[in-house]
Structure formats: C-alpha cells, structure tokens
Amino acid sequence: MVRSIESGLDEAIFEERLKGIEAGADIATFDAHSVLACVGNREIVVNTSLTRCDIMAKRFQKTSIKPE
C-alpha cells in the first residue's frame, strides 16, 4: 500500500486509499489532511492535496457515502 519515493521515504498510494470508498460502506472517514509518519527508520507520507480532496469528495458523492 506504499511505494518508495526515495531512500527511506515512502508514500501511501492514493489509488489504494480510494479503494476503501468503493467497498460499499455507508459511512467513511474523509481524511482531508497530509501526514508524515515515522515507523522505525522509515518515513511514510500520506499526501492529501486539494486536488486529491476533490477526487475523494466526488467519489463520496457518487457512492452516496456519508463522511464522518
């Protein structure tokens, strides 16, 4: 669910995050923030840009999922 950006820095794959919206839930968390997590010697960035927020919002509307 992550890909390497550079040595020691990985990124959560946005397309994988979107799969949760397609799972058929009634309610889901709308994570509209970016995060940098440190796990051991790895850094994992979860990039949620404004463009990605728009994409997620449209998926929520299309599937009628209510955001938490």
C-alpha atoms as a PDB file:
ATOM      1  CA  MET A   1       0.000   0.000   0.000  1.00  0.00           C
ATOM      2  CA  VAL A   2       3.063   2.236  -0.075  1.00  0.00           C
ATOM      3  CA  ARG A   3       5.626   2.978  -2.738  1.00  0.00           C
ATOM      4  CA  SER A   4       9.159   4.209  -2.342  1.00  0.00           C
ATOM      5  CA  ILE A   5       9.735   7.835  -3.326  1.00  0.00           C
ATOM      6  CA  GLU A   6      13.382   7.888  -2.332  1.00  0.00           C
ATOM      7  CA  SER A   7      15.641   6.050   0.080  1.00  0.00           C
ATOM      8  CA  GLY A   8      13.900   5.935   3.463  1.00  0.00           C
ATOM      9  CA  LEU A   9      10.794   7.817   2.256  1.00  0.00           C
ATOM     10  CA  ASP A  10       7.619   6.044   1.174  1.00  0.00           C
ATOM     11  CA  GLU A  11       4.226   7.354   0.103  1.00  0.00           C
ATOM     12  CA  ALA A  12       0.811   5.849   0.805  1.00  0.00           C
ATOM     13  CA  ILE A  13      -0.610   5.045  -2.627  1.00  0.00           C
ATOM     14  CA  PHE A  14      -3.606   7.319  -3.212  1.00  0.00           C
ATOM     15  CA  GLU A  15      -5.354   4.861  -5.526  1.00  0.00           C
ATOM     16  CA  GLU A  16      -5.269   2.251  -2.749  1.00  0.00           C
ATOM     17  CA  ARG A  17      -6.837   4.741  -0.351  1.00  0.00           C
ATOM     18  CA  LEU A  18      -9.695   5.265  -2.821  1.00  0.00           C
ATOM     19  CA  LYS A  19     -10.491   1.530  -2.852  1.00  0.00           C
ATOM     20  CA  GLY A  20     -11.948   1.884   0.633  1.00  0.00           C
ATOM     21  CA  ILE A  21     -14.614   4.206  -0.753  1.00  0.00           C
ATOM     22  CA  GLU A  22     -15.644   1.576  -3.298  1.00  0.00           C
ATOM     23  CA  ALA A  23     -16.077  -1.125  -0.607  1.00  0.00           C
ATOM     24  CA  GLY A  24     -19.760  -0.318  -0.075  1.00  0.00           C
ATOM     25  CA  ALA A  25     -19.749   1.287   3.381  1.00  0.00           C
ATOM     26  CA  ASP A  26     -22.493   3.718   4.457  1.00  0.00           C
ATOM     27  CA  ILE A  27     -20.044   5.964   6.333  1.00  0.00           C
ATOM     28  CA  ALA A  28     -16.315   6.549   5.832  1.00  0.00           C
ATOM     29  CA  THR A  29     -13.645   8.855   7.174  1.00  0.00           C
ATOM     30  CA  PHE A  30     -12.773  11.751   4.875  1.00  0.00           C
ATOM     31  CA  ASP A  31      -9.082  12.265   5.627  1.00  0.00           C
ATOM     32  CA  ALA A  32      -8.513  15.778   4.316  1.00  0.00           C
ATOM     33  CA  HIS A  33      -5.036  16.211   5.753  1.00  0.00           C
ATOM     34  CA  SER A  34      -1.481  15.250   4.906  1.00  0.00           C
ATOM     35  CA  VAL A  35       0.627  13.272   7.377  1.00  0.00           C
ATOM     36  CA  LEU A  36       4.252  12.252   7.760  1.00  0.00           C
ATOM     37  CA  ALA A  37       4.585   9.148   9.940  1.00  0.00           C
ATOM     38  CA  CYS A  38       7.875   7.754  11.213  1.00  0.00           C
ATOM     39  CA  VAL A  39       7.953   3.960  11.551  1.00  0.00           C
ATOM     40  CA  GLY A  40      11.352   2.704  12.649  1.00  0.00           C
ATOM     41  CA  ASN A  41      13.812   4.071  10.101  1.00  0.00           C
ATOM     42  CA  ARG A  42      11.091   4.678   7.504  1.00  0.00           C
ATOM     43  CA  GLU A  43       9.139   7.835   6.857  1.00  0.00           C
ATOM     44  CA  ILE A  44       5.721   7.439   5.236  1.00  0.00           C
ATOM     45  CA  VAL A  45       3.932  10.442   3.771  1.00  0.00           C
ATOM     46  CA  VAL A  46       0.168  10.475   3.249  1.00  0.00           C
ATOM     47  CA  ASN A  47      -0.310  13.269   0.727  1.00  0.00           C
ATOM     48  CA  THR A  48      -3.835  14.681   0.574  1.00  0.00           C
ATOM     49  CA  SER A  49      -3.598  17.705  -1.711  1.00  0.00           C
ATOM     50  CA  LEU A  50      -6.586  19.889  -2.608  1.00  0.00           C
ATOM     51  CA  THR A  51      -6.877  18.009  -5.912  1.00  0.00           C
ATOM     52  CA  ARG A  52      -6.988  14.693  -4.080  1.00  0.00           C
ATOM     53  CA  CYS A  53      -9.626  16.060  -1.691  1.00  0.00           C
ATOM     54  CA  ASP A  54     -11.770  16.981  -4.710  1.00  0.00           C
ATOM     55  CA  ILE A  55     -11.364  13.468  -6.142  1.00  0.00           C
ATOM     56  CA  MET A  56     -12.333  11.880  -2.814  1.00  0.00           C
ATOM     57  CA  ALA A  57     -15.331  14.206  -2.383  1.00  0.00           C
ATOM     58  CA  LYS A  58     -16.645  13.287  -5.839  1.00  0.00           C
ATOM     59  CA  ARG A  59     -16.273   9.569  -5.019  1.00  0.00           C
ATOM     60  CA  PHE A  60     -18.149  10.078  -1.751  1.00  0.00           C
ATOM     61  CA  GLN A  61     -20.972  11.817  -3.636  1.00  0.00           C
ATOM     62  CA  LYS A  62     -21.039   9.202  -6.422  1.00  0.00           C
ATOM     63  CA  THR A  63     -21.324   6.324  -3.944  1.00  0.00           C
ATOM     64  CA  SER A  64     -23.634   8.204  -1.500  1.00  0.00           C
ATOM     65  CA  ILE A  65     -21.209   7.567   1.376  1.00  0.00           C
ATOM     66  CA  LYS A  66     -21.614   9.913   4.317  1.00  0.00           C
ATOM     67  CA  PRO A  67     -18.317  11.331   5.635  1.00  0.00           C
ATOM     68  CA  GLU A  68     -17.612  11.034   9.370  1.00  0.00           C
END
